[in-house]
Protein backbone atom coordinates (compact mmCIF):
# COMPACT_ATOMS: atom_id res chain seq x y z
CA UNK A 1 18.94 -47.74 -2.39
CA UNK A 2 17.82 -46.26 0.93
CA UNK A 3 18.25 -42.48 1.06
CA UNK A 4 17.75 -42.26 4.83
CA UNK A 5 20.72 -41.20 6.95
CA UNK A 6 21.32 -39.77 10.38
CA UNK A 7 19.72 -36.35 10.87
CA UNK A 8 21.72 -33.57 9.23
CA UNK A 9 21.74 -29.85 9.94
CA UNK A 10 22.62 -27.33 7.21
CA UNK A 11 22.95 -23.53 7.39
CA UNK A 12 22.79 -21.01 4.57
CA UNK A 13 26.18 -19.67 3.53
CA UNK A 14 25.22 -16.00 3.13
CA UNK A 15 28.46 -15.23 1.27
CA UNK A 16 27.47 -17.60 -1.55
CA UNK A 17 23.68 -17.11 -1.52
CA UNK A 18 21.29 -14.40 -2.68
CA UNK A 19 17.70 -13.66 -1.76
CA UNK A 20 16.32 -11.71 -4.71
CA UNK A 21 13.07 -10.49 -6.20
CA UNK A 22 11.72 -8.80 -9.33
CA UNK A 23 8.66 -6.61 -9.72
CA UNK A 24 7.18 -4.76 -12.70
CA UNK A 25 7.52 -0.98 -12.52
CA UNK A 26 5.24 1.32 -14.53
CA UNK A 27 4.05 -1.79 -16.42
CA UNK A 28 6.98 -1.40 -18.85
CA UNK A 29 10.10 -2.37 -16.92
CA UNK A 30 11.34 -4.57 -14.10
CA UNK A 31 12.95 -3.49 -10.86
CA UNK A 32 15.13 -5.99 -9.02
CA UNK A 33 16.23 -6.13 -5.43
CA UNK A 34 17.63 -8.33 -2.73
CA UNK A 35 17.93 -8.65 1.02
CA UNK A 36 21.50 -8.38 2.28
CA UNK A 37 20.94 -9.68 5.84
CA UNK A 38 19.39 -13.14 5.99
CA UNK A 39 19.84 -16.57 7.53
CA UNK A 40 18.33 -20.00 7.22
CA UNK A 41 18.64 -23.66 8.05
CA UNK A 42 17.72 -27.06 6.67
CA UNK A 43 17.07 -30.14 8.81
CA UNK A 44 16.91 -33.45 6.98
CA UNK A 45 17.23 -37.19 7.47
CA UNK A 46 17.30 -38.01 3.74
CA UNK A 47 20.37 -37.58 1.55
CA UNK A 48 18.13 -36.29 -1.27
CA UNK A 49 16.58 -33.71 1.11
CA UNK A 50 13.01 -35.03 0.69
CA UNK A 51 10.96 -34.18 3.73
CA UNK A 52 13.46 -31.55 4.88
CA UNK A 53 12.39 -28.80 7.26
CA UNK A 54 13.51 -25.43 5.92
CA UNK A 55 13.53 -22.15 7.83
CA UNK A 56 14.53 -18.75 6.58
CA UNK A 57 14.44 -15.12 7.71
CA UNK A 58 15.53 -11.81 6.22
CA UNK A 59 15.85 -8.39 7.83
CA UNK A 60 13.49 -5.99 6.05
CA UNK A 61 15.79 -3.03 6.65
CA UNK A 62 18.50 -4.80 4.61
CA UNK A 63 16.57 -4.40 1.35
CA UNK A 64 18.75 -3.22 -1.52
CA UNK A 65 17.35 -2.15 -4.89
CA UNK A 66 20.37 0.00 -5.87
CA UNK A 67 18.42 3.17 -5.02
CA UNK A 68 18.63 4.74 -1.55
CA UNK A 69 15.43 6.71 -2.22
CA UNK A 70 13.47 3.58 -3.20
CA UNK A 71 14.97 1.52 -0.35
CA UNK A 72 13.89 4.16 2.18
CA UNK A 73 10.35 4.08 0.73
CA UNK A 74 10.27 0.25 0.86
CA UNK A 75 11.35 0.30 4.53
CA UNK A 76 8.58 2.79 5.39
CA UNK A 77 5.09 1.99 6.70
CA UNK A 78 3.77 2.18 3.11
CA UNK A 79 5.60 -1.09 2.35
CA UNK A 80 7.56 -3.31 4.79
CA UNK A 81 7.26 -1.04 7.85
CA UNK A 82 10.69 -2.20 9.01
CA UNK A 83 10.40 -0.38 12.34
CA UNK A 84 7.43 -2.56 13.37
CA UNK A 85 8.06 -5.67 11.22
CA UNK A 86 11.84 -6.17 11.14
CA UNK A 87 11.79 -9.66 9.59
CA UNK A 88 10.34 -11.70 6.78
CA UNK A 89 10.20 -15.39 7.68
CA UNK A 90 9.48 -18.71 6.02
CA UNK A 91 8.95 -22.18 7.48
CA UNK A 92 8.38 -25.20 5.27
CA UNK A 93 5.47 -27.59 5.58
CA UNK A 94 6.51 -29.94 2.72
CA UNK A 95 9.58 -30.54 0.57
CA UNK A 96 8.60 -32.99 -2.15
CA UNK A 97 10.88 -34.45 -4.83
CA UNK A 98 9.31 -34.27 -8.30
CA UNK A 99 12.20 -35.74 -10.31
CA UNK A 100 15.99 -36.03 -10.14
CA UNK A 101 16.63 -32.36 -9.33
CA UNK A 102 13.19 -30.68 -9.15
CA UNK A 103 11.23 -30.22 -5.92
CA UNK A 104 8.10 -28.45 -4.69
CA UNK A 105 8.64 -26.47 -1.50
CA UNK A 106 5.48 -25.58 0.41
CA UNK A 107 5.42 -23.48 3.53
CA UNK A 108 4.25 -20.45 5.43
CA UNK A 109 5.66 -17.06 4.44
CA UNK A 110 5.24 -14.17 6.88
CA UNK A 111 5.61 -10.58 5.71
CA UNK A 112 4.46 -7.54 7.71
CA UNK A 113 2.76 -9.81 10.27
CA UNK A 114 0.68 -11.63 7.64
CA UNK A 115 1.26 -15.37 7.14
CA UNK A 116 0.20 -17.10 3.92
CA UNK A 117 0.86 -20.54 2.46
CA UNK A 118 3.10 -20.44 -0.63
CA UNK A 119 4.56 -22.97 -3.04
CA UNK A 120 7.98 -22.50 -4.56
CA UNK A 121 9.82 -24.46 -7.24
CA UNK A 122 13.29 -25.73 -6.32
CA UNK A 123 16.18 -27.05 -8.39
CA UNK A 124 18.61 -29.02 -6.24
CA UNK A 125 22.02 -29.08 -7.89
CA UNK A 126 23.54 -31.69 -5.58
CA UNK A 127 26.19 -31.72 -2.90
CA UNK A 128 29.96 -31.49 -3.02
CA UNK A 129 32.96 -30.99 -0.78
CA UNK A 130 34.42 -27.46 -0.94
CA UNK A 131 38.18 -27.88 -1.58
CA UNK A 132 38.97 -24.61 0.22
CA UNK A 133 36.88 -24.87 3.40
CA UNK A 134 36.55 -28.66 3.53
CA UNK A 135 32.81 -28.22 4.18
CA UNK A 136 30.12 -30.29 2.49
CA UNK A 137 27.94 -27.92 0.44
CA UNK A 138 24.49 -28.25 -1.13
CA UNK A 139 23.19 -25.98 -3.89
CA UNK A 140 19.62 -24.89 -4.64
CA UNK A 141 17.79 -22.42 -6.86
CA UNK A 142 14.32 -21.42 -5.68
CA UNK A 143 11.70 -19.59 -7.75
CA UNK A 144 8.15 -18.52 -7.15
CA UNK A 145 5.58 -15.74 -7.24
CA UNK A 146 3.59 -14.00 -4.55
CA UNK A 147 1.04 -11.22 -4.50
CA UNK A 148 2.44 -8.41 -2.36
CA UNK A 149 -1.00 -7.08 -1.43
CA UNK A 150 -1.83 -10.47 0.18
CA UNK A 151 0.87 -9.61 2.73
CA UNK A 152 -0.27 -6.07 3.54
CA UNK A 153 2.06 -4.33 1.08
CA UNK A 154 -0.85 -2.38 -0.39
CA UNK A 155 0.69 0.96 -1.42
CA UNK A 156 -0.53 1.71 -4.92
CA UNK A 157 -0.51 4.51 -7.45
CA UNK A 158 -1.76 4.27 -11.02
CA UNK A 159 -0.03 5.62 -14.09
CA UNK A 160 -1.93 8.01 -16.35
CA UNK A 161 -2.67 5.02 -18.60
CA UNK A 162 -4.24 3.18 -15.65
CA UNK A 163 -1.49 0.65 -14.95
CA UNK A 164 0.04 0.12 -11.53
CA UNK A 165 3.28 1.92 -10.72
CA UNK A 166 4.33 -1.23 -8.85
CA UNK A 167 2.89 -4.61 -9.86
CA UNK A 168 1.07 -6.74 -7.30
CA UNK A 169 2.96 -9.82 -8.52
CA UNK A 170 6.47 -10.23 -7.13
CA UNK A 171 8.78 -12.88 -8.55
CA UNK A 172 11.15 -14.52 -6.08
CA UNK A 173 14.53 -15.75 -7.27
CA UNK A 174 16.75 -17.26 -4.60
CA UNK A 175 20.16 -18.92 -4.84
CA UNK A 176 21.17 -20.95 -1.80
CA UNK A 177 24.45 -22.59 -0.96
CA UNK A 178 24.15 -24.43 2.34
CA UNK A 179 26.92 -25.75 4.57
CA UNK A 180 26.50 -29.06 6.38
CA UNK A 181 27.18 -28.62 10.07
CA UNK A 182 29.53 -31.42 11.11
CA UNK A 183 29.57 -32.92 14.57
């Protein structure tokens, strides 16, 4: 069966999506956070989304870790420097189907003016018609890891035992519900 269709445009439904992350704190615990202000789009000609072009951006000053003190520090020049680098962005270079619902998403991630190639793992949960809005929806879960220092987020302090207060490795955990733009 041919999976090619007319080009389709999808936009992230920010009310049903979450852009989250986890990072080790003091080597012994995990701190979680998310970005509250984000947007993204998917352009595809295949019903299974293979070969899709995916774009995403998040406002760095919308970071939320459930601590105003920590959020202020993360927005400062020691981390995201939100005043000078207001957005994180991503643009795909490949979206490859591995099996029925698993994909590899490759692309360029830009944080604090530094762009690096990343690979993320994607579960595509299918598409359905929303009975309330009437919109066609697609669901995805995206996971991956990055090294924050690769993107200029180099603030570091060691504990008395020699471990990092904040781990270099950041785990990304993203839930996306996208709406097909009709017409």
